[in-house]
Amino acid sequence: MPKGQESASAGVAGNSIGRIIGNGVTITGKVFGVRRIPAIKGQAIPAYDPRSLKGIGVTYVTSAMGADHTAGNALEMASRMDPRGREGQVEASHRLQLRAALLDTMGVCLFIRPAFVKKPQLFADLLNARYGWNLTFRDVQQMG
């Protein structure tokens, strides 16, 4: 780094405030005495607010990671159901979490999910091609 220039984080790296913030929102809130922390299972709530997108709230509280929008983002269901309503949110979250788990298991990026939405059998096709299996999409769903 050129003389006279410091990194943006140099001011907090290694000091007390940097260590507190570096441990996440839950620890930071506890250290500073904040009772209401925007976190679920210790994971900070990301950009998708469960107050206006109920399906993502279901995902946050039922997924292993907590407030993880990549575990089954209900935003894609918003055009098919009332995002603030109760009806269908649990089922949608479950379906989306299974799909996200399958994508994670296959080691592919979540951003390619539209291909799997259009052709769900693609999950089985890829596994069959790689391992020489003869799975159907139903088989892959059962694995999920």
N, C-alpha and C. Protein backbone atom coordinates (compact mmCIF):
# COMPACT_ATOMS: atom_id res chain seq x y z
N MET A 1 0.85 -1.17 0.00
CA MET A 1 0.00 0.00 0.00
C MET A 1 0.90 1.24 0.00
N PRO A 2 0.62 2.23 -0.83
CA PRO A 2 1.45 3.43 -0.88
C PRO A 2 1.51 4.14 0.47
N LYS A 3 2.63 4.77 0.74
CA LYS A 3 2.82 5.49 1.99
C LYS A 3 1.73 6.54 2.17
N GLY A 4 1.20 6.62 3.38
CA GLY A 4 0.18 7.61 3.68
C GLY A 4 -1.24 7.11 3.48
N GLN A 5 -1.40 5.92 2.83
CA GLN A 5 -2.74 5.37 2.63
C GLN A 5 -2.93 4.19 3.57
N GLU A 6 -4.06 4.13 4.22
CA GLU A 6 -4.36 3.02 5.11
C GLU A 6 -5.63 2.34 4.64
N SER A 7 -5.76 1.09 4.98
CA SER A 7 -6.99 0.39 4.59
C SER A 7 -8.16 0.95 5.40
N ALA A 8 -9.34 0.78 4.88
CA ALA A 8 -10.54 1.31 5.53
C ALA A 8 -10.76 0.69 6.90
N SER A 9 -10.33 -0.57 7.08
CA SER A 9 -10.57 -1.25 8.34
C SER A 9 -9.42 -1.11 9.32
N ALA A 10 -8.35 -0.43 8.93
CA ALA A 10 -7.18 -0.33 9.81
C ALA A 10 -7.50 0.31 11.14
N GLY A 11 -8.49 1.19 11.19
CA GLY A 11 -8.83 1.88 12.42
C GLY A 11 -9.49 1.00 13.47
N VAL A 12 -10.13 -0.11 13.08
CA VAL A 12 -10.80 -0.97 14.05
C VAL A 12 -10.18 -2.35 14.13
N ALA A 13 -9.32 -2.71 13.21
CA ALA A 13 -8.73 -4.05 13.21
C ALA A 13 -7.89 -4.26 14.45
N GLY A 14 -8.18 -5.31 15.18
CA GLY A 14 -7.38 -5.67 16.33
C GLY A 14 -7.70 -4.93 17.62
N ASN A 15 -8.58 -3.95 17.59
CA ASN A 15 -8.92 -3.30 18.85
C ASN A 15 -10.24 -3.86 19.39
N SER A 16 -10.64 -3.41 20.55
CA SER A 16 -11.82 -3.97 21.22
C SER A 16 -13.09 -3.85 20.38
N ILE A 17 -13.35 -2.67 19.84
CA ILE A 17 -14.58 -2.49 19.07
C ILE A 17 -14.57 -3.36 17.82
N GLY A 18 -13.42 -3.51 17.20
CA GLY A 18 -13.31 -4.37 16.02
C GLY A 18 -13.59 -5.83 16.35
N ARG A 19 -13.09 -6.28 17.51
CA ARG A 19 -13.34 -7.67 17.92
C ARG A 19 -14.82 -7.87 18.26
N ILE A 20 -15.43 -6.88 18.88
CA ILE A 20 -16.86 -7.00 19.21
C ILE A 20 -17.68 -7.08 17.93
N ILE A 21 -17.51 -6.12 17.05
CA ILE A 21 -18.28 -6.10 15.79
C ILE A 21 -17.99 -7.32 14.95
N GLY A 22 -16.75 -7.76 14.95
CA GLY A 22 -16.36 -8.94 14.17
C GLY A 22 -17.02 -10.22 14.62
N ASN A 23 -17.58 -10.22 15.82
CA ASN A 23 -18.27 -11.41 16.31
C ASN A 23 -19.75 -11.42 15.98
N GLY A 24 -20.22 -10.43 15.23
CA GLY A 24 -21.58 -10.45 14.73
C GLY A 24 -22.57 -9.63 15.56
N VAL A 25 -23.77 -9.55 15.02
CA VAL A 25 -24.81 -8.69 15.57
C VAL A 25 -25.27 -9.15 16.95
N THR A 26 -25.34 -10.45 17.18
CA THR A 26 -25.83 -10.96 18.47
C THR A 26 -24.87 -10.58 19.59
N ILE A 27 -23.59 -10.84 19.40
CA ILE A 27 -22.60 -10.49 20.42
C ILE A 27 -22.53 -8.98 20.60
N THR A 28 -22.53 -8.25 19.49
CA THR A 28 -22.46 -6.78 19.57
C THR A 28 -23.63 -6.24 20.39
N GLY A 29 -24.82 -6.73 20.13
CA GLY A 29 -25.99 -6.29 20.89
C GLY A 29 -25.88 -6.61 22.36
N LYS A 30 -25.41 -7.81 22.68
CA LYS A 30 -25.26 -8.20 24.09
C LYS A 30 -24.24 -7.32 24.79
N VAL A 31 -23.11 -7.09 24.15
CA VAL A 31 -22.06 -6.26 24.77
C VAL A 31 -22.57 -4.86 25.07
N PHE A 32 -23.37 -4.31 24.16
CA PHE A 32 -23.86 -2.95 24.34
C PHE A 32 -25.23 -2.87 25.03
N GLY A 33 -25.72 -4.01 25.52
CA GLY A 33 -26.95 -4.02 26.29
C GLY A 33 -28.22 -3.84 25.47
N VAL A 34 -28.18 -4.16 24.21
CA VAL A 34 -29.36 -4.06 23.35
C VAL A 34 -30.18 -5.34 23.50
N ARG A 35 -31.44 -5.21 23.84
CA ARG A 35 -32.28 -6.39 24.07
C ARG A 35 -32.89 -6.93 22.79
N ARG A 36 -33.27 -6.07 21.88
CA ARG A 36 -33.93 -6.52 20.64
C ARG A 36 -32.91 -6.50 19.51
N ILE A 37 -32.47 -7.67 19.14
CA ILE A 37 -31.42 -7.82 18.14
C ILE A 37 -32.04 -8.42 16.88
N PRO A 38 -31.82 -7.83 15.71
CA PRO A 38 -32.40 -8.37 14.48
C PRO A 38 -31.64 -9.61 14.01
N ALA A 39 -31.84 -10.70 14.74
CA ALA A 39 -31.15 -11.95 14.43
C ALA A 39 -32.04 -13.13 14.77
N ILE A 40 -31.84 -14.22 14.08
CA ILE A 40 -32.54 -15.47 14.36
C ILE A 40 -31.49 -16.56 14.41
N LYS A 41 -31.46 -17.28 15.52
CA LYS A 41 -30.46 -18.32 15.77
C LYS A 41 -29.05 -17.76 15.66
N GLY A 42 -28.88 -16.52 16.06
CA GLY A 42 -27.58 -15.88 16.04
C GLY A 42 -27.17 -15.29 14.71
N GLN A 43 -27.95 -15.49 13.69
CA GLN A 43 -27.66 -15.00 12.34
C GLN A 43 -28.42 -13.70 12.11
N ALA A 44 -27.70 -12.64 11.73
CA ALA A 44 -28.34 -11.35 11.48
C ALA A 44 -29.34 -11.44 10.33
N ILE A 45 -30.45 -10.74 10.47
CA ILE A 45 -31.46 -10.72 9.41
C ILE A 45 -30.91 -9.94 8.22
N PRO A 46 -30.92 -10.55 7.04
CA PRO A 46 -30.43 -9.85 5.84
C PRO A 46 -31.47 -8.89 5.28
N ALA A 47 -31.34 -8.54 4.05
CA ALA A 47 -32.18 -7.52 3.42
C ALA A 47 -33.66 -7.90 3.32
N TYR A 48 -33.99 -9.16 3.42
CA TYR A 48 -35.38 -9.59 3.26
C TYR A 48 -36.07 -9.61 4.61
N ASP A 49 -36.93 -8.64 4.83
CA ASP A 49 -37.60 -8.43 6.11
C ASP A 49 -38.81 -9.36 6.23
N PRO A 50 -38.85 -10.20 7.26
CA PRO A 50 -39.96 -11.14 7.41
C PRO A 50 -41.30 -10.49 7.75
N ARG A 51 -41.30 -9.21 8.12
CA ARG A 51 -42.57 -8.54 8.40
C ARG A 51 -43.36 -8.31 7.12
N SER A 52 -42.66 -8.15 6.00
CA SER A 52 -43.36 -7.91 4.74
C SER A 52 -43.27 -9.09 3.79
N LEU A 53 -42.55 -10.12 4.16
CA LEU A 53 -42.39 -11.32 3.34
C LEU A 53 -42.45 -12.52 4.28
N LYS A 54 -43.67 -12.92 4.61
CA LYS A 54 -43.89 -13.93 5.65
C LYS A 54 -43.21 -15.26 5.35
N GLY A 55 -43.14 -15.64 4.10
CA GLY A 55 -42.51 -16.91 3.75
C GLY A 55 -41.03 -16.95 4.12
N ILE A 56 -40.35 -15.82 3.98
CA ILE A 56 -38.94 -15.78 4.36
C ILE A 56 -38.81 -15.86 5.88
N GLY A 57 -39.78 -15.34 6.59
CA GLY A 57 -39.79 -15.49 8.05
C GLY A 57 -39.89 -16.95 8.46
N VAL A 58 -40.73 -17.71 7.75
CA VAL A 58 -40.84 -19.14 8.01
C VAL A 58 -39.50 -19.81 7.76
N THR A 59 -38.85 -19.44 6.67
CA THR A 59 -37.53 -20.00 6.36
C THR A 59 -36.53 -19.66 7.44
N TYR A 60 -36.51 -18.42 7.88
CA TYR A 60 -35.56 -18.00 8.91
C TYR A 60 -35.69 -18.84 10.17
N VAL A 61 -36.91 -19.09 10.62
CA VAL A 61 -37.08 -19.80 11.88
C VAL A 61 -37.01 -21.33 11.75
N THR A 62 -37.15 -21.86 10.55
CA THR A 62 -37.12 -23.31 10.39
C THR A 62 -35.84 -23.85 9.77
N SER A 63 -35.04 -22.99 9.16
CA SER A 63 -33.80 -23.50 8.55
C SER A 63 -32.73 -23.65 9.62
N ALA A 64 -31.77 -24.49 9.35
CA ALA A 64 -30.70 -24.76 10.31
C ALA A 64 -29.85 -23.52 10.59
N MET A 65 -29.69 -22.66 9.61
CA MET A 65 -28.80 -21.51 9.72
C MET A 65 -29.44 -20.32 10.41
N GLY A 66 -30.75 -20.27 10.48
CA GLY A 66 -31.41 -19.09 11.02
C GLY A 66 -31.78 -18.14 9.90
N ALA A 67 -31.47 -16.87 10.08
CA ALA A 67 -31.88 -15.84 9.11
C ALA A 67 -31.02 -15.90 7.85
N ASP A 68 -31.19 -16.96 7.10
CA ASP A 68 -30.41 -17.16 5.88
C ASP A 68 -31.34 -17.12 4.68
N HIS A 69 -31.30 -16.01 3.93
CA HIS A 69 -32.21 -15.87 2.79
C HIS A 69 -31.88 -16.83 1.65
N THR A 70 -30.69 -17.42 1.65
CA THR A 70 -30.36 -18.37 0.58
C THR A 70 -30.88 -19.77 0.88
N ALA A 71 -31.43 -19.99 2.07
CA ALA A 71 -31.93 -21.32 2.43
C ALA A 71 -33.31 -21.59 1.84
N GLY A 72 -33.94 -20.62 1.24
CA GLY A 72 -35.28 -20.78 0.68
C GLY A 72 -35.96 -19.44 0.61
N ASN A 73 -35.56 -18.65 -0.33
CA ASN A 73 -36.02 -17.27 -0.42
C ASN A 73 -37.43 -17.19 -1.00
N ALA A 74 -38.37 -16.80 -0.18
CA ALA A 74 -39.78 -16.74 -0.57
C ALA A 74 -40.10 -15.56 -1.47
N LEU A 75 -39.14 -14.72 -1.77
CA LEU A 75 -39.40 -13.59 -2.64
C LEU A 75 -39.92 -14.05 -4.00
N GLU A 76 -39.43 -15.16 -4.49
CA GLU A 76 -39.88 -15.64 -5.80
C GLU A 76 -41.34 -16.10 -5.80
N MET A 77 -41.91 -16.29 -4.61
CA MET A 77 -43.32 -16.69 -4.51
C MET A 77 -44.25 -15.49 -4.38
N ALA A 78 -43.70 -14.30 -4.24
CA ALA A 78 -44.50 -13.11 -3.97
C ALA A 78 -45.51 -12.81 -5.07
N SER A 79 -45.22 -13.20 -6.30
CA SER A 79 -46.17 -12.94 -7.39
C SER A 79 -47.30 -13.96 -7.42
N ARG A 80 -47.14 -15.08 -6.71
CA ARG A 80 -48.15 -16.14 -6.73
C ARG A 80 -49.03 -16.18 -5.49
N MET A 81 -48.60 -15.49 -4.44
CA MET A 81 -49.39 -15.47 -3.21
C MET A 81 -49.15 -14.15 -2.49
N ASP A 82 -50.02 -13.82 -1.59
CA ASP A 82 -49.88 -12.59 -0.82
C ASP A 82 -48.66 -12.72 0.09
N PRO A 83 -47.60 -11.94 -0.14
CA PRO A 83 -46.38 -12.08 0.64
C PRO A 83 -46.55 -11.76 2.12
N ARG A 84 -47.63 -11.01 2.45
CA ARG A 84 -47.89 -10.67 3.85
C ARG A 84 -48.99 -11.52 4.46
N GLY A 85 -49.56 -12.41 3.67
CA GLY A 85 -50.61 -13.29 4.18
C GLY A 85 -50.02 -14.54 4.81
N ARG A 86 -50.88 -15.30 5.45
CA ARG A 86 -50.45 -16.53 6.12
C ARG A 86 -50.57 -17.75 5.21
N GLU A 87 -51.56 -17.72 4.35
CA GLU A 87 -51.89 -18.89 3.55
C GLU A 87 -50.76 -19.33 2.62
N GLY A 88 -50.38 -20.59 2.72
CA GLY A 88 -49.40 -21.19 1.82
C GLY A 88 -47.94 -20.91 2.13
N GLN A 89 -47.67 -20.10 3.14
CA GLN A 89 -46.28 -19.71 3.41
C GLN A 89 -45.43 -20.86 3.91
N VAL A 90 -45.96 -21.70 4.77
CA VAL A 90 -45.19 -22.83 5.31
C VAL A 90 -44.84 -23.80 4.19
N GLU A 91 -45.82 -24.13 3.37
CA GLU A 91 -45.59 -25.07 2.27
C GLU A 91 -44.58 -24.51 1.27
N ALA A 92 -44.72 -23.22 0.94
CA ALA A 92 -43.80 -22.59 -0.01
C ALA A 92 -42.38 -22.58 0.55
N SER A 93 -42.23 -22.22 1.81
CA SER A 93 -40.90 -22.21 2.43
C SER A 93 -40.29 -23.60 2.42
N HIS A 94 -41.08 -24.60 2.74
CA HIS A 94 -40.59 -25.99 2.74
C HIS A 94 -40.09 -26.39 1.36
N ARG A 95 -40.88 -26.12 0.37
CA ARG A 95 -40.51 -26.46 -1.02
C ARG A 95 -39.23 -25.72 -1.44
N LEU A 96 -39.15 -24.44 -1.10
CA LEU A 96 -37.98 -23.65 -1.47
C LEU A 96 -36.74 -24.10 -0.71
N GLN A 97 -36.91 -24.48 0.56
CA GLN A 97 -35.77 -24.96 1.33
C GLN A 97 -35.24 -26.28 0.77
N LEU A 98 -36.14 -27.15 0.33
CA LEU A 98 -35.69 -28.41 -0.27
C LEU A 98 -34.91 -28.14 -1.55
N ARG A 99 -35.41 -27.22 -2.37
CA ARG A 99 -34.70 -26.90 -3.61
C ARG A 99 -33.32 -26.30 -3.32
N ALA A 100 -33.27 -25.39 -2.36
CA ALA A 100 -31.99 -24.78 -2.00
C ALA A 100 -31.01 -25.84 -1.48
N ALA A 101 -31.51 -26.78 -0.69
CA ALA A 101 -30.65 -27.85 -0.17
C ALA A 101 -30.13 -28.73 -1.31
N LEU A 102 -30.98 -29.01 -2.29
CA LEU A 102 -30.53 -29.80 -3.44
C LEU A 102 -29.47 -29.06 -4.24
N LEU A 103 -29.68 -27.78 -4.46
CA LEU A 103 -28.68 -26.98 -5.19
C LEU A 103 -27.36 -26.95 -4.42
N ASP A 104 -27.44 -26.75 -3.11
CA ASP A 104 -26.23 -26.74 -2.29
C ASP A 104 -25.53 -28.09 -2.35
N THR A 105 -26.29 -29.16 -2.25
CA THR A 105 -25.73 -30.50 -2.27
C THR A 105 -25.02 -30.79 -3.59
N MET A 106 -25.59 -30.27 -4.67
CA MET A 106 -24.98 -30.48 -5.99
C MET A 106 -23.79 -29.56 -6.22
N GLY A 107 -23.61 -28.59 -5.34
CA GLY A 107 -22.47 -27.69 -5.46
C GLY A 107 -22.64 -26.63 -6.54
N VAL A 108 -23.89 -26.31 -6.86
CA VAL A 108 -24.12 -25.29 -7.88
C VAL A 108 -24.63 -24.01 -7.23
N CYS A 109 -24.45 -22.92 -7.92
CA CYS A 109 -24.84 -21.61 -7.41
C CYS A 109 -26.36 -21.46 -7.40
N LEU A 110 -26.84 -20.82 -6.36
CA LEU A 110 -28.27 -20.57 -6.21
C LEU A 110 -28.84 -19.75 -7.37
N PHE A 111 -28.00 -18.95 -8.02
CA PHE A 111 -28.48 -18.09 -9.10
C PHE A 111 -28.89 -18.86 -10.36
N ILE A 112 -28.55 -20.14 -10.45
CA ILE A 112 -28.99 -20.91 -11.62
C ILE A 112 -30.31 -21.64 -11.37
N ARG A 113 -30.96 -21.34 -10.26
CA ARG A 113 -32.21 -22.04 -9.93
C ARG A 113 -33.30 -21.92 -10.99
N PRO A 114 -33.38 -20.82 -11.77
CA PRO A 114 -34.45 -20.78 -12.77
C PRO A 114 -34.45 -21.99 -13.73
N ALA A 115 -33.28 -22.49 -14.06
CA ALA A 115 -33.23 -23.66 -14.94
C ALA A 115 -33.89 -24.86 -14.27
N PHE A 116 -33.73 -24.99 -12.96
CA PHE A 116 -34.31 -26.11 -12.23
C PHE A 116 -35.79 -25.91 -11.98
N VAL A 117 -36.25 -24.66 -11.96
CA VAL A 117 -37.67 -24.37 -11.80
C VAL A 117 -38.40 -24.77 -13.08
N LYS A 118 -37.80 -24.43 -14.23
CA LYS A 118 -38.42 -24.76 -15.52
C LYS A 118 -38.38 -26.25 -15.80
N LYS A 119 -37.32 -26.92 -15.36
CA LYS A 119 -37.17 -28.35 -15.62
C LYS A 119 -36.66 -29.05 -14.37
N PRO A 120 -37.57 -29.37 -13.41
CA PRO A 120 -37.14 -29.99 -12.16
C PRO A 120 -36.39 -31.31 -12.35
N GLN A 121 -36.70 -32.03 -13.42
CA GLN A 121 -36.02 -33.31 -13.69
C GLN A 121 -34.52 -33.11 -13.89
N LEU A 122 -34.09 -31.86 -14.13
CA LEU A 122 -32.68 -31.56 -14.32
C LEU A 122 -31.84 -32.00 -13.12
N PHE A 123 -32.39 -31.91 -11.90
CA PHE A 123 -31.67 -32.41 -10.72
C PHE A 123 -31.27 -33.85 -10.93
N ALA A 124 -32.25 -34.67 -11.27
CA ALA A 124 -32.00 -36.10 -11.46
C ALA A 124 -31.11 -36.34 -12.67
N ASP A 125 -31.34 -35.61 -13.75
CA ASP A 125 -30.54 -35.79 -14.96
C ASP A 125 -29.05 -35.56 -14.69
N LEU A 126 -28.73 -34.53 -13.93
CA LEU A 126 -27.33 -34.24 -13.63
C LEU A 126 -26.71 -35.31 -12.74
N LEU A 127 -27.44 -35.74 -11.73
CA LEU A 127 -26.93 -36.80 -10.86
C LEU A 127 -26.77 -38.11 -11.63
N ASN A 128 -27.74 -38.41 -12.48
CA ASN A 128 -27.67 -39.64 -13.28
C ASN A 128 -26.47 -39.60 -14.22
N ALA A 129 -26.24 -38.45 -14.85
CA ALA A 129 -25.11 -38.33 -15.77
C ALA A 129 -23.78 -38.47 -15.04
N ARG A 130 -23.70 -37.91 -13.87
CA ARG A 130 -22.43 -37.95 -13.12
C ARG A 130 -22.14 -39.32 -12.53
N TYR A 131 -23.16 -39.97 -11.97
CA TYR A 131 -22.94 -41.21 -11.23
C TYR A 131 -23.46 -42.47 -11.92
N GLY A 132 -24.10 -42.32 -13.07
CA GLY A 132 -24.63 -43.49 -13.77
C GLY A 132 -25.86 -44.07 -13.10
N TRP A 133 -26.55 -43.25 -12.34
CA TRP A 133 -27.76 -43.70 -11.66
C TRP A 133 -28.95 -43.59 -12.59
N ASN A 134 -30.11 -44.01 -12.09
CA ASN A 134 -31.36 -43.92 -12.84
C ASN A 134 -32.45 -43.34 -11.94
N LEU A 135 -32.19 -42.12 -11.45
CA LEU A 135 -33.12 -41.48 -10.53
C LEU A 135 -34.18 -40.67 -11.27
N THR A 136 -35.33 -40.55 -10.64
CA THR A 136 -36.37 -39.63 -11.11
C THR A 136 -36.31 -38.39 -10.22
N PHE A 137 -37.03 -37.36 -10.62
CA PHE A 137 -37.09 -36.17 -9.78
C PHE A 137 -37.70 -36.51 -8.43
N ARG A 138 -38.67 -37.39 -8.39
CA ARG A 138 -39.30 -37.82 -7.13
C ARG A 138 -38.24 -38.43 -6.19
N ASP A 139 -37.33 -39.25 -6.76
CA ASP A 139 -36.25 -39.82 -5.96
C ASP A 139 -35.37 -38.72 -5.34
N VAL A 140 -35.06 -37.73 -6.15
CA VAL A 140 -34.21 -36.64 -5.68
C VAL A 140 -34.94 -35.83 -4.61
N GLN A 141 -36.23 -35.62 -4.77
CA GLN A 141 -37.02 -34.92 -3.75
C GLN A 141 -36.98 -35.68 -2.43
N GLN A 142 -37.07 -36.99 -2.49
CA GLN A 142 -37.02 -37.80 -1.29
C GLN A 142 -35.67 -37.68 -0.59
N MET A 143 -34.61 -37.56 -1.37
CA MET A 143 -33.28 -37.35 -0.79
C MET A 143 -33.24 -36.01 -0.05
N GLY A 144 -33.88 -35.01 -0.65
CA GLY A 144 -33.90 -33.68 -0.03
C GLY A 144 -34.62 -33.72 1.29
